[in-house]
Amino acid sequence: MKNLFQKKTAIAFCAVFFLTAVSIPVAFAQNSQAEIQFVEKLGAALEKGSLEQALEIFESIPAELKDDTELLCLKGSLLLSAGKIQEAGQTAALLLQKEPSNIDVLNLNFMVAKQKGDKVNKTKFIKQILAVEPYNPEANIELADEQALKKNWRNARDYYKKALAGDGTNEEALLGYGKMCYYMQNDKDAKDAFAKLYNINPLNPQVNAYLGKYEAENSQYKKAIEYIKTAIQLDPQNTDYWFDYGTWSRMLGDYAGAEAAWKQAVALEPEYFLGYAYLAGLYDEQERRNDALEYYRLTVEKNPQYYYAYESLGMYAWDAGKWSEAQTAFEQALKKNPNSISYKLMITACLYKQNKNLEMKAFTEGLMKNLPNRQGLEYKLVRMYHDRGGDADVAVNISKETNRTKKGRYLFYLALYYELTGKDSLAQKYYNEVTAMQSPMFFEYRMAQWASGIKK
C-alpha cells in the first residue's frame, strides 16, 4: 500500500489530462490541427499506459505548445510517475517561476517535494495550495494520510472529509474516510462511504475487503468470502486479505480452506509470526499434534515476545516427550505470568522427567519460600513434589476446593505426581476425574485428556 500512496497523486494528475485528451472535439475545437493531433497522440499513449512513449511524444511537441503550462505540468507528472524525479523537479521549478499561483503548478511542485522526501517544501506547497483551494483533494488527502499514520483517526477523517468536499467521487478520499470511520466505530458513515466507493469502482480491492469485514461482523461469512475473494483476485500479494479469507473459512468450518489461505499468508510474509500462530491454533483445534507443535515452534521463533504461544508450545512439547523444550516454554510463559502455579508445577515436572533432581529441589525450595501461606493448597502441592510425599493430605484438601477451575487444575497435578512416581492406577483415577468435569477452562484439561487417551 505504501507505494500506491506515494504514486497516487501523480497518476491522478495524469488521468485528468488523459480525460482532456480524449475530449478533444470539445476542448480543442478552436485549436490548430497540430495541437489536436499532439493531444490525441498523447492521449493514446496514456490510454495504453506507456509512460515512456508519452514522454517521447513531448520531444516532438509543436512550437506553439512548448510553453503550455497545463501540458508542461502533465509532462512533469509523467516524469514523476516514471521515477525521473530530478527532471520533474526542474520542470516544476521553471513553471513555478512563471506562474507561482497556478494550482496545477503548485500541485506538481508539491508532488515533487513529496517524492524527494522534502518535508519542508511539501508542507510549504500544501499551505499554498490550500490558500488557493481549501478543499483541494490532493493536499487534504496528503494531510489525512499523515494523520492516519500517526493513528489520529479523527483528524485524518476530517481531512478526508475536506477532500471529499472538493471532489465527492475521489476514490482515495472515500476509502480513507471510510477507514477512519471504521476505526472510530462510526459504522454508519463508514458503510455509506464504502458503498459509494463500491458503486464508483467495484474493482477496488480495499473496499471489497472492508465490505467483507462488515459482512463477517454480522456472521455473513459466505458473503464476506465473496468480497475477500474479489479483493484477492485484484491484489493477490496482500497478506491481510489472505488472513481474512482464512478466518472466515474457519468460521464456516472449512478447515482446508483456512489452512490454504493462511499458508499463502505465510508464503507472502515468511518472517511474520501471525500466520504461523493462526496455523498452530488451527492444528491445535484439529488435534493435529505434530503439526501444532511445529507451528508453535515457528511462532515463537519468528516472534519470541509472543508469550501467548509458549503455554501451548509447552503442552505439545510435553506431549511429544521433549522435556527440555517444554521446560523452556513454560519458563517463558512464567515470565509473562509470574504468579501461575501451573507453570511452576509444569517446570517442576519437566525437571523431574529429565532426572535433574538437585535442580528440581532447588527450584521447588525457591517456590516454597515465595508462598507465604504454608497451609495453602498450592504450597502443599509444591511440597508434595519436593518431598515426594504428602499426597494424601493434598487429595483431602482438593476434595474441599469449591472453585471448579482450581479443583480441576489441582487434580491434574495430583494425577501428574502419581504418573511421575510410577503410581499409574492412581494417576489414571485422577486424570479421569479431571476429564469428567468437562470444563476446559484450563490448559491442563487437554493434557489430562491426552494422558487418558481421550480424543477431542
Protein backbone atom coordinates (compact mmCIF):
# COMPACT_ATOMS: atom_id res chain seq x y z
CA MET A 1 0.00 0.00 0.00
CA LYS A 2 2.84 2.40 0.68
CA ASN A 3 3.89 2.51 -2.99
CA LEU A 4 0.30 3.17 -4.05
CA PHE A 5 0.04 6.11 -1.65
CA GLN A 6 3.31 7.54 -2.92
CA LYS A 7 2.25 7.40 -6.56
CA LYS A 8 -1.44 8.23 -6.35
CA THR A 9 -1.22 11.99 -6.81
CA ALA A 10 0.90 11.82 -9.94
CA ILE A 11 -1.27 9.12 -11.50
CA ALA A 12 -4.47 11.02 -10.72
CA PHE A 13 -2.91 14.13 -12.24
CA CYS A 14 -2.13 12.22 -15.42
CA ALA A 15 -5.68 10.89 -15.53
CA VAL A 16 -7.09 14.41 -15.52
CA PHE A 17 -5.10 15.26 -18.62
CA PHE A 18 -5.98 11.96 -20.21
CA LEU A 19 -9.66 12.83 -19.91
CA THR A 20 -8.91 16.19 -21.53
CA ALA A 21 -7.09 14.42 -24.33
CA VAL A 22 -9.97 12.12 -25.19
CA SER A 23 -12.40 15.06 -25.15
CA ILE A 24 -10.60 16.77 -27.98
CA PRO A 25 -13.60 17.70 -30.15
CA VAL A 26 -14.92 19.90 -27.32
CA ALA A 27 -11.77 21.10 -25.61
CA PHE A 28 -9.76 21.81 -28.73
CA ALA A 29 -12.42 22.77 -31.23
CA GLN A 30 -10.82 26.17 -31.72
CA ASN A 31 -7.22 24.95 -31.72
CA SER A 32 -4.92 24.16 -34.61
CA GLN A 33 -4.80 20.76 -36.25
CA ALA A 34 -1.24 20.33 -34.92
CA GLU A 35 -2.43 20.86 -31.36
CA ILE A 36 -5.29 18.40 -31.75
CA GLN A 37 -3.01 15.75 -33.26
CA PHE A 38 -0.46 16.16 -30.46
CA VAL A 39 -3.02 15.77 -27.71
CA GLU A 40 -4.61 12.79 -29.48
CA LYS A 41 -1.20 11.07 -29.69
CA LEU A 42 -0.57 11.82 -26.03
CA GLY A 43 -3.99 10.51 -25.05
CA ALA A 44 -3.42 7.29 -26.99
CA ALA A 45 -0.10 6.70 -25.27
CA LEU A 46 -1.60 7.30 -21.84
CA GLU A 47 -4.51 5.02 -22.62
CA LYS A 48 -2.03 2.22 -23.33
CA GLY A 49 -0.28 3.00 -20.04
CA SER A 50 3.05 3.70 -21.72
CA LEU A 51 4.82 6.45 -19.78
CA GLU A 52 7.98 6.26 -21.86
CA GLN A 53 6.05 6.59 -25.11
CA ALA A 54 4.09 9.53 -23.71
CA LEU A 55 7.32 11.26 -22.69
CA GLU A 56 8.83 10.64 -26.11
CA ILE A 57 5.87 12.44 -27.69
CA PHE A 58 6.85 15.59 -25.79
CA GLU A 59 10.12 15.64 -27.75
CA SER A 60 8.10 16.42 -30.89
CA ILE A 61 5.73 18.91 -29.29
CA PRO A 62 4.66 21.71 -31.69
CA ALA A 63 6.43 25.01 -31.12
CA GLU A 64 3.22 26.79 -30.15
CA LEU A 65 2.69 24.28 -27.30
CA LYS A 66 6.17 24.29 -25.79
CA ASP A 67 5.19 26.89 -23.20
CA ASP A 68 1.71 25.49 -22.49
CA THR A 69 1.51 25.33 -18.68
CA GLU A 70 -1.04 22.52 -18.49
CA LEU A 71 0.91 20.29 -20.87
CA LEU A 72 4.18 21.01 -19.07
CA CYS A 73 2.51 20.13 -15.76
CA LEU A 74 1.45 16.86 -17.35
CA LYS A 75 4.99 16.25 -18.54
CA GLY A 76 6.29 16.86 -15.02
CA SER A 77 3.72 14.46 -13.62
CA LEU A 78 4.68 11.80 -16.18
CA LEU A 79 8.33 12.25 -15.30
CA LEU A 80 7.45 11.66 -11.64
CA SER A 81 5.49 8.54 -12.50
CA ALA A 82 8.48 7.31 -14.50
CA GLY A 83 10.75 7.87 -11.48
CA LYS A 84 12.62 10.74 -13.12
CA ILE A 85 12.36 12.99 -10.07
CA GLN A 86 15.24 15.34 -10.89
CA GLU A 87 13.87 16.13 -14.37
CA ALA A 88 10.38 16.57 -12.94
CA GLY A 89 11.79 18.94 -10.34
CA GLN A 90 13.45 21.05 -13.00
CA THR A 91 10.19 21.32 -14.94
CA ALA A 92 8.27 22.16 -11.76
CA ALA A 93 10.76 24.84 -10.70
CA LEU A 94 10.60 26.57 -14.10
CA LEU A 95 6.81 26.54 -14.05
CA LEU A 96 6.76 27.95 -10.51
CA GLN A 97 8.84 30.93 -11.61
CA LYS A 98 6.46 31.50 -14.48
CA GLU A 99 3.11 31.00 -12.67
CA PRO A 100 3.59 30.86 -8.88
CA SER A 101 -0.15 30.93 -8.13
CA ASN A 102 -1.26 28.35 -10.69
CA ILE A 103 -2.90 25.48 -8.80
CA ASP A 104 -1.63 22.85 -11.24
CA VAL A 105 1.91 24.19 -10.90
CA LEU A 106 1.64 24.15 -7.11
CA ASN A 107 0.31 20.58 -7.24
CA LEU A 108 3.25 19.48 -9.35
CA ASN A 109 5.77 21.11 -7.01
CA PHE A 110 4.02 19.51 -4.03
CA MET A 111 4.30 16.08 -5.70
CA VAL A 112 7.98 16.61 -6.49
CA ALA A 113 8.71 17.61 -2.89
CA LYS A 114 6.84 14.54 -1.66
CA GLN A 115 8.73 12.17 -3.95
CA LYS A 116 12.03 13.71 -2.82
CA GLY A 117 11.08 13.32 0.82
CA ASP A 118 11.43 17.07 1.25
CA LYS A 119 9.01 17.61 4.13
CA VAL A 120 9.69 21.33 4.44
CA ASN A 121 8.82 22.17 0.85
CA LYS A 122 5.99 19.66 0.79
CA THR A 123 4.37 21.45 3.74
CA LYS A 124 5.03 24.83 2.14
CA PHE A 125 3.32 23.89 -1.12
CA ILE A 126 0.38 22.25 0.66
CA LYS A 127 -0.23 25.52 2.51
CA GLN A 128 -0.06 27.46 -0.73
CA ILE A 129 -2.44 25.06 -2.45
CA LEU A 130 -4.97 25.22 0.39
CA ALA A 131 -4.74 29.02 0.42
CA VAL A 132 -5.99 28.94 -3.16
CA GLU A 133 -8.24 25.85 -2.88
CA PRO A 134 -9.19 24.99 0.73
CA TYR A 135 -10.85 21.77 -0.40
CA ASN A 136 -8.14 20.64 -2.79
CA PRO A 137 -8.34 16.83 -2.76
CA GLU A 138 -4.65 16.01 -3.17
CA ALA A 139 -3.44 18.38 -0.46
CA ASN A 140 -6.12 17.35 2.03
CA ILE A 141 -5.55 13.67 1.32
CA GLU A 142 -1.85 14.11 1.99
CA LEU A 143 -2.58 15.75 5.36
CA ALA A 144 -5.09 12.99 6.11
CA ASP A 145 -2.54 10.30 5.28
CA GLU A 146 -0.05 11.89 7.65
CA GLN A 147 -2.59 11.90 10.47
CA ALA A 148 -3.63 8.32 9.70
CA LEU A 149 -0.01 7.15 10.00
CA LYS A 150 0.04 8.71 13.48
CA LYS A 151 -3.28 6.95 14.26
CA ASN A 152 -5.01 10.29 14.75
CA TRP A 153 -8.18 8.88 13.25
CA ARG A 154 -10.39 11.88 13.94
CA ASN A 155 -8.04 14.42 12.39
CA ALA A 156 -7.44 12.16 9.41
CA ARG A 157 -11.18 11.69 8.93
CA ASP A 158 -11.72 15.46 8.89
CA TYR A 159 -9.06 15.99 6.23
CA TYR A 160 -10.52 13.21 4.08
CA LYS A 161 -13.91 14.87 4.51
CA LYS A 162 -12.47 18.17 3.25
CA ALA A 163 -11.03 16.34 0.25
CA LEU A 164 -14.48 14.94 -0.47
CA ALA A 165 -15.92 18.44 -0.30
CA GLY A 166 -13.61 19.24 -3.19
CA ASP A 167 -14.29 16.01 -5.07
CA GLY A 168 -17.11 13.85 -3.78
CA THR A 169 -16.13 10.93 -6.03
CA ASN A 170 -12.42 10.84 -5.18
CA GLU A 171 -11.74 7.15 -4.55
CA GLU A 172 -8.83 7.61 -2.18
CA ALA A 173 -10.69 10.18 -0.09
CA LEU A 174 -13.75 7.91 0.11
CA LEU A 175 -11.61 4.95 1.10
CA GLY A 176 -9.67 6.95 3.68
CA TYR A 177 -12.81 8.49 5.14
CA GLY A 178 -14.46 5.08 5.36
CA LYS A 179 -11.41 3.54 7.03
CA MET A 180 -11.15 6.28 9.64
CA CYS A 181 -14.85 5.93 10.45
CA TYR A 182 -14.36 2.17 10.67
CA TYR A 183 -11.50 2.57 13.15
CA MET A 184 -13.62 5.02 15.16
CA GLN A 185 -16.52 2.52 15.11
CA ASN A 186 -18.70 5.03 13.30
CA ASP A 187 -20.21 2.25 11.24
CA LYS A 188 -22.97 4.15 9.50
CA ASP A 189 -20.64 6.72 7.94
CA ALA A 190 -18.08 4.03 7.14
CA LYS A 191 -20.64 1.84 5.37
CA ASP A 192 -22.00 4.82 3.45
CA ALA A 193 -18.51 5.74 2.23
CA PHE A 194 -17.66 2.17 1.28
CA ALA A 195 -20.98 1.70 -0.51
CA LYS A 196 -20.45 4.89 -2.51
CA LEU A 197 -16.93 3.86 -3.43
CA TYR A 198 -18.11 0.38 -4.40
CA ASN A 199 -20.68 1.91 -6.74
CA ILE A 200 -17.97 4.06 -8.31
CA ASN A 201 -15.41 1.27 -8.56
CA PRO A 202 -16.46 -2.27 -7.60
CA LEU A 203 -12.96 -3.45 -8.51
CA ASN A 204 -11.27 -1.51 -5.72
CA PRO A 205 -9.67 -4.29 -3.63
CA GLN A 206 -9.70 -2.40 -0.35
CA VAL A 207 -13.37 -1.53 -0.46
CA ASN A 208 -14.16 -5.18 -1.13
CA ALA A 209 -12.06 -6.13 1.88
CA TYR A 210 -13.86 -3.71 4.19
CA LEU A 211 -17.30 -4.67 2.94
CA GLY A 212 -16.27 -8.24 3.68
CA LYS A 213 -15.34 -7.28 7.24
CA TYR A 214 -18.80 -5.85 7.81
CA GLU A 215 -20.44 -8.99 6.46
CA ALA A 216 -18.26 -11.10 8.74
CA GLU A 217 -19.16 -8.96 11.76
CA ASN A 218 -22.79 -9.87 11.02
CA SER A 219 -21.81 -13.56 10.74
CA GLN A 220 -22.49 -13.49 7.00
CA TYR A 221 -19.32 -15.41 6.25
CA LYS A 222 -20.29 -16.63 2.79
CA LYS A 223 -20.88 -13.05 1.64
CA ALA A 224 -17.68 -11.96 3.38
CA ILE A 225 -15.74 -14.61 1.47
CA GLU A 226 -17.21 -13.43 -1.84
CA TYR A 227 -15.90 -9.93 -1.16
CA ILE A 228 -12.48 -11.07 0.02
CA LYS A 229 -12.06 -13.37 -2.98
CA THR A 230 -12.59 -10.35 -5.22
CA ALA A 231 -10.04 -8.38 -3.21
CA ILE A 232 -7.53 -11.23 -3.54
CA GLN A 233 -8.08 -11.52 -7.29
CA LEU A 234 -7.31 -7.82 -7.60
CA ASP A 235 -4.40 -7.76 -5.13
CA PRO A 236 -3.12 -11.31 -4.52
CA GLN A 237 0.01 -10.09 -2.71
CA ASN A 238 -1.91 -8.51 0.17
CA THR A 239 -1.33 -10.68 3.24
CA ASP A 240 -4.22 -9.16 5.20
CA TYR A 241 -6.70 -10.41 2.63
CA TRP A 242 -5.43 -13.98 2.99
CA PHE A 243 -5.69 -13.72 6.78
CA ASP A 244 -9.33 -12.65 6.47
CA TYR A 245 -10.05 -15.35 3.91
CA GLY A 246 -8.64 -17.96 6.29
CA THR A 247 -10.52 -16.62 9.30
CA TRP A 248 -13.88 -16.58 7.57
CA SER A 249 -13.29 -20.00 6.02
CA ARG A 250 -12.54 -21.29 9.50
CA MET A 251 -15.79 -19.79 10.80
CA LEU A 252 -17.65 -21.78 8.16
CA GLY A 253 -15.89 -24.96 9.25
CA ASP A 254 -13.77 -25.05 6.10
CA TYR A 255 -10.52 -26.10 7.76
CA ALA A 256 -8.81 -26.97 4.47
CA GLY A 257 -9.69 -23.55 3.07
CA ALA A 258 -8.43 -21.81 6.19
CA GLU A 259 -5.19 -23.79 6.13
CA ALA A 260 -4.58 -22.99 2.45
CA ALA A 261 -5.28 -19.27 2.98
CA TRP A 262 -3.01 -18.95 6.00
CA LYS A 263 -0.25 -20.91 4.30
CA GLN A 264 -0.44 -18.43 1.46
CA ALA A 265 -0.12 -15.61 4.01
CA VAL A 266 2.99 -17.31 5.39
CA ALA A 267 4.40 -17.72 1.89
CA LEU A 268 3.93 -13.99 1.25
CA GLU A 269 5.46 -12.91 4.57
CA PRO A 270 7.57 -15.81 5.88
CA GLU A 271 9.12 -13.72 8.67
CA TYR A 272 5.78 -12.55 10.08
CA PHE A 273 4.75 -14.67 13.05
CA LEU A 274 0.98 -14.34 12.90
CA GLY A 275 0.43 -16.77 10.03
CA TYR A 276 2.27 -19.47 11.96
CA ALA A 277 0.22 -18.68 15.07
CA TYR A 278 -3.05 -19.00 13.14
CA LEU A 279 -1.98 -22.31 11.64
CA ALA A 280 -0.82 -23.59 15.02
CA GLY A 281 -4.21 -22.76 16.50
CA LEU A 282 -5.97 -24.47 13.59
CA TYR A 283 -3.91 -27.65 14.02
CA ASP A 284 -4.45 -27.44 17.76
CA GLU A 285 -8.19 -27.38 17.22
CA GLN A 286 -8.00 -30.37 14.90
CA GLU A 287 -5.79 -32.35 17.30
CA ARG A 288 -3.02 -32.47 14.69
CA ARG A 289 -0.46 -32.54 17.45
CA ASN A 290 2.73 -32.85 15.43
CA ASP A 291 1.70 -30.00 13.15
CA ALA A 292 0.61 -27.89 16.12
CA LEU A 293 3.98 -28.41 17.81
CA GLU A 294 5.85 -27.49 14.63
CA TYR A 295 3.90 -24.29 14.11
CA TYR A 296 4.00 -23.17 17.74
CA ARG A 297 7.76 -23.57 17.47
CA LEU A 298 7.80 -21.43 14.34
CA THR A 299 5.57 -18.84 16.00
CA VAL A 300 7.97 -18.16 18.87
CA GLU A 301 10.96 -18.46 16.56
CA LYS A 302 9.58 -15.61 14.45
CA ASN A 303 8.41 -13.62 17.46
CA PRO A 304 9.97 -14.61 20.79
CA GLN A 305 7.88 -11.90 22.52
CA TYR A 306 4.60 -13.60 21.58
CA TYR A 307 4.04 -15.07 25.03
CA TYR A 308 0.60 -16.42 24.24
CA ALA A 309 2.19 -19.27 22.26
CA TYR A 310 4.51 -20.53 24.99
CA GLU A 311 1.84 -22.29 27.03
CA SER A 312 0.67 -24.29 24.02
CA LEU A 313 4.24 -24.95 22.93
CA GLY A 314 4.96 -26.31 26.40
CA MET A 315 1.90 -28.57 26.26
CA TYR A 316 2.75 -30.04 22.87
CA ALA A 317 6.45 -30.40 23.62
CA TRP A 318 5.49 -32.29 26.79
CA ASP A 319 3.12 -34.49 24.78
CA ALA A 320 5.98 -35.27 22.37
CA GLY A 321 8.34 -36.15 25.22
CA LYS A 322 10.51 -33.08 24.63
CA TRP A 323 11.02 -32.32 28.32
CA SER A 324 13.74 -29.70 27.96
CA GLU A 325 11.83 -27.85 25.27
CA ALA A 326 8.67 -27.99 27.38
CA GLN A 327 10.56 -26.63 30.37
CA THR A 328 11.92 -23.69 28.36
CA ALA A 329 8.45 -22.91 27.01
CA PHE A 330 6.84 -22.92 30.45
CA GLU A 331 9.68 -20.78 31.81
CA GLN A 332 8.92 -18.20 29.12
CA ALA A 333 5.22 -18.39 29.94
CA LEU A 334 6.05 -17.88 33.63
CA LYS A 335 7.85 -14.63 32.80
CA LYS A 336 4.58 -13.26 31.48
CA ASN A 337 2.54 -14.62 34.38
CA PRO A 338 4.90 -15.00 37.36
CA ASN A 339 2.13 -15.99 39.77
CA SER A 340 0.98 -19.03 37.77
CA ILE A 341 1.17 -22.15 39.92
CA SER A 342 0.51 -24.16 36.75
CA TYR A 343 3.69 -23.05 35.01
CA LYS A 344 5.70 -23.53 38.19
CA LEU A 345 4.48 -27.10 38.61
CA MET A 346 4.98 -27.92 34.93
CA ILE A 347 8.59 -26.71 35.15
CA THR A 348 8.98 -28.91 38.22
CA ALA A 349 7.58 -31.90 36.32
CA CYS A 350 9.90 -31.22 33.36
CA LEU A 351 12.91 -31.22 35.67
CA TYR A 352 11.64 -34.46 37.20
CA LYS A 353 11.36 -36.06 33.75
CA GLN A 354 14.96 -35.05 32.97
CA ASN A 355 16.19 -36.59 36.24
CA LYS A 356 17.52 -33.20 37.30
CA ASN A 357 16.74 -33.89 40.93
CA LEU A 358 19.10 -31.36 42.51
CA GLU A 359 17.93 -28.64 40.17
CA MET A 360 14.33 -29.57 40.84
CA LYS A 361 14.84 -29.46 44.60
CA ALA A 362 16.45 -26.02 44.37
CA PHE A 363 13.60 -24.80 42.17
CA THR A 364 10.82 -26.06 44.47
CA GLU A 365 12.60 -24.73 47.56
CA GLY A 366 12.61 -21.31 45.93
CA LEU A 367 8.91 -21.66 45.15
CA MET A 368 8.04 -22.58 48.73
CA LYS A 369 9.93 -19.60 50.09
CA ASN A 370 7.77 -17.32 47.99
CA LEU A 371 4.48 -18.97 49.01
CA PRO A 372 3.75 -17.38 52.40
CA ASN A 373 0.64 -19.45 53.23
CA ARG A 374 2.10 -22.74 54.36
CA GLN A 375 -1.37 -24.12 54.95
CA GLY A 376 -2.47 -23.27 51.44
CA LEU A 377 -3.08 -25.94 48.82
CA GLU A 378 -0.58 -24.53 46.35
CA TYR A 379 2.17 -24.69 48.96
CA LYS A 380 1.22 -28.28 49.77
CA LEU A 381 1.30 -29.23 46.07
CA VAL A 382 4.79 -27.83 45.63
CA ARG A 383 5.95 -29.52 48.84
CA MET A 384 4.47 -32.82 47.62
CA TYR A 385 6.70 -32.68 44.54
CA HIS A 386 9.68 -31.54 46.63
CA ASP A 387 9.33 -34.19 49.36
CA ARG A 388 7.76 -36.88 47.15
CA GLY A 389 5.13 -37.36 49.79
CA GLY A 390 2.12 -35.78 51.47
CA ASP A 391 -0.19 -36.71 48.61
CA ALA A 392 -2.95 -37.99 50.92
CA ASP A 393 -3.21 -34.58 52.61
CA VAL A 394 -3.23 -32.89 49.20
CA ALA A 395 -6.06 -35.17 48.00
CA VAL A 396 -8.17 -34.34 51.04
CA ASN A 397 -7.68 -30.62 50.57
CA ILE A 398 -8.53 -30.81 46.86
CA SER A 399 -11.82 -32.55 47.69
CA LYS A 400 -12.77 -29.48 49.75
CA GLU A 401 -11.99 -26.98 46.97
CA THR A 402 -15.16 -25.23 45.79
CA ASN A 403 -13.72 -23.34 42.82
CA ARG A 404 -14.30 -25.65 39.85
CA THR A 405 -11.37 -24.45 37.76
CA LYS A 406 -8.92 -24.57 40.65
CA LYS A 407 -10.15 -28.00 41.65
CA GLY A 408 -9.66 -29.39 38.14
CA ARG A 409 -6.20 -27.89 37.92
CA TYR A 410 -5.13 -29.25 41.32
CA LEU A 411 -6.49 -32.71 40.47
CA PHE A 412 -4.37 -32.69 37.33
CA TYR A 413 -1.17 -32.01 39.29
CA LEU A 414 -2.02 -34.71 41.77
CA ALA A 415 -2.53 -37.13 38.86
CA LEU A 416 0.72 -35.97 37.25
CA TYR A 417 2.57 -36.53 40.53
CA TYR A 418 1.32 -40.11 40.62
CA GLU A 419 2.33 -40.61 36.98
CA LEU A 420 5.85 -39.33 37.68
CA THR A 421 6.21 -41.57 40.72
CA GLY A 422 5.01 -44.69 38.89
CA LYS A 423 1.58 -44.99 40.52
CA ASP A 424 -0.26 -45.38 37.23
CA SER A 425 -3.64 -46.54 38.55
CA LEU A 426 -3.91 -43.55 40.89
CA ALA A 427 -2.73 -41.24 38.10
CA GLN A 428 -5.44 -42.55 35.78
CA LYS A 429 -8.07 -42.23 38.50
CA TYR A 430 -7.39 -38.54 38.96
CA TYR A 431 -6.93 -37.85 35.25
CA ASN A 432 -10.37 -39.34 34.75
CA GLU A 433 -11.78 -37.06 37.44
CA VAL A 434 -10.40 -34.06 35.56
CA THR A 435 -11.81 -35.13 32.18
CA ALA A 436 -15.17 -35.98 33.76
CA MET A 437 -15.54 -32.33 34.74
CA GLN A 438 -15.98 -31.38 31.07
CA SER A 439 -14.84 -27.90 31.92
CA PRO A 440 -11.93 -27.00 29.63
CA MET A 441 -11.23 -23.59 31.16
CA PHE A 442 -7.63 -24.51 31.92
CA PHE A 443 -4.92 -25.97 29.67
CA GLU A 444 -4.34 -28.93 32.00
CA TYR A 445 -7.75 -30.28 30.95
CA ARG A 446 -6.35 -31.00 27.47
CA MET A 447 -3.29 -32.65 28.96
CA ALA A 448 -5.48 -34.82 31.15
CA GLN A 449 -7.41 -35.90 28.05
CA TRP A 450 -4.17 -36.83 26.31
CA ALA A 451 -2.95 -38.74 29.36
CA SER A 452 -6.27 -40.61 29.45
CA GLY A 453 -6.13 -41.38 25.75
CA ILE A 454 -9.28 -39.38 25.10
CA LYS A 455 -9.62 -37.83 21.66
CA LYS A 456 -11.23 -34.43 21.38
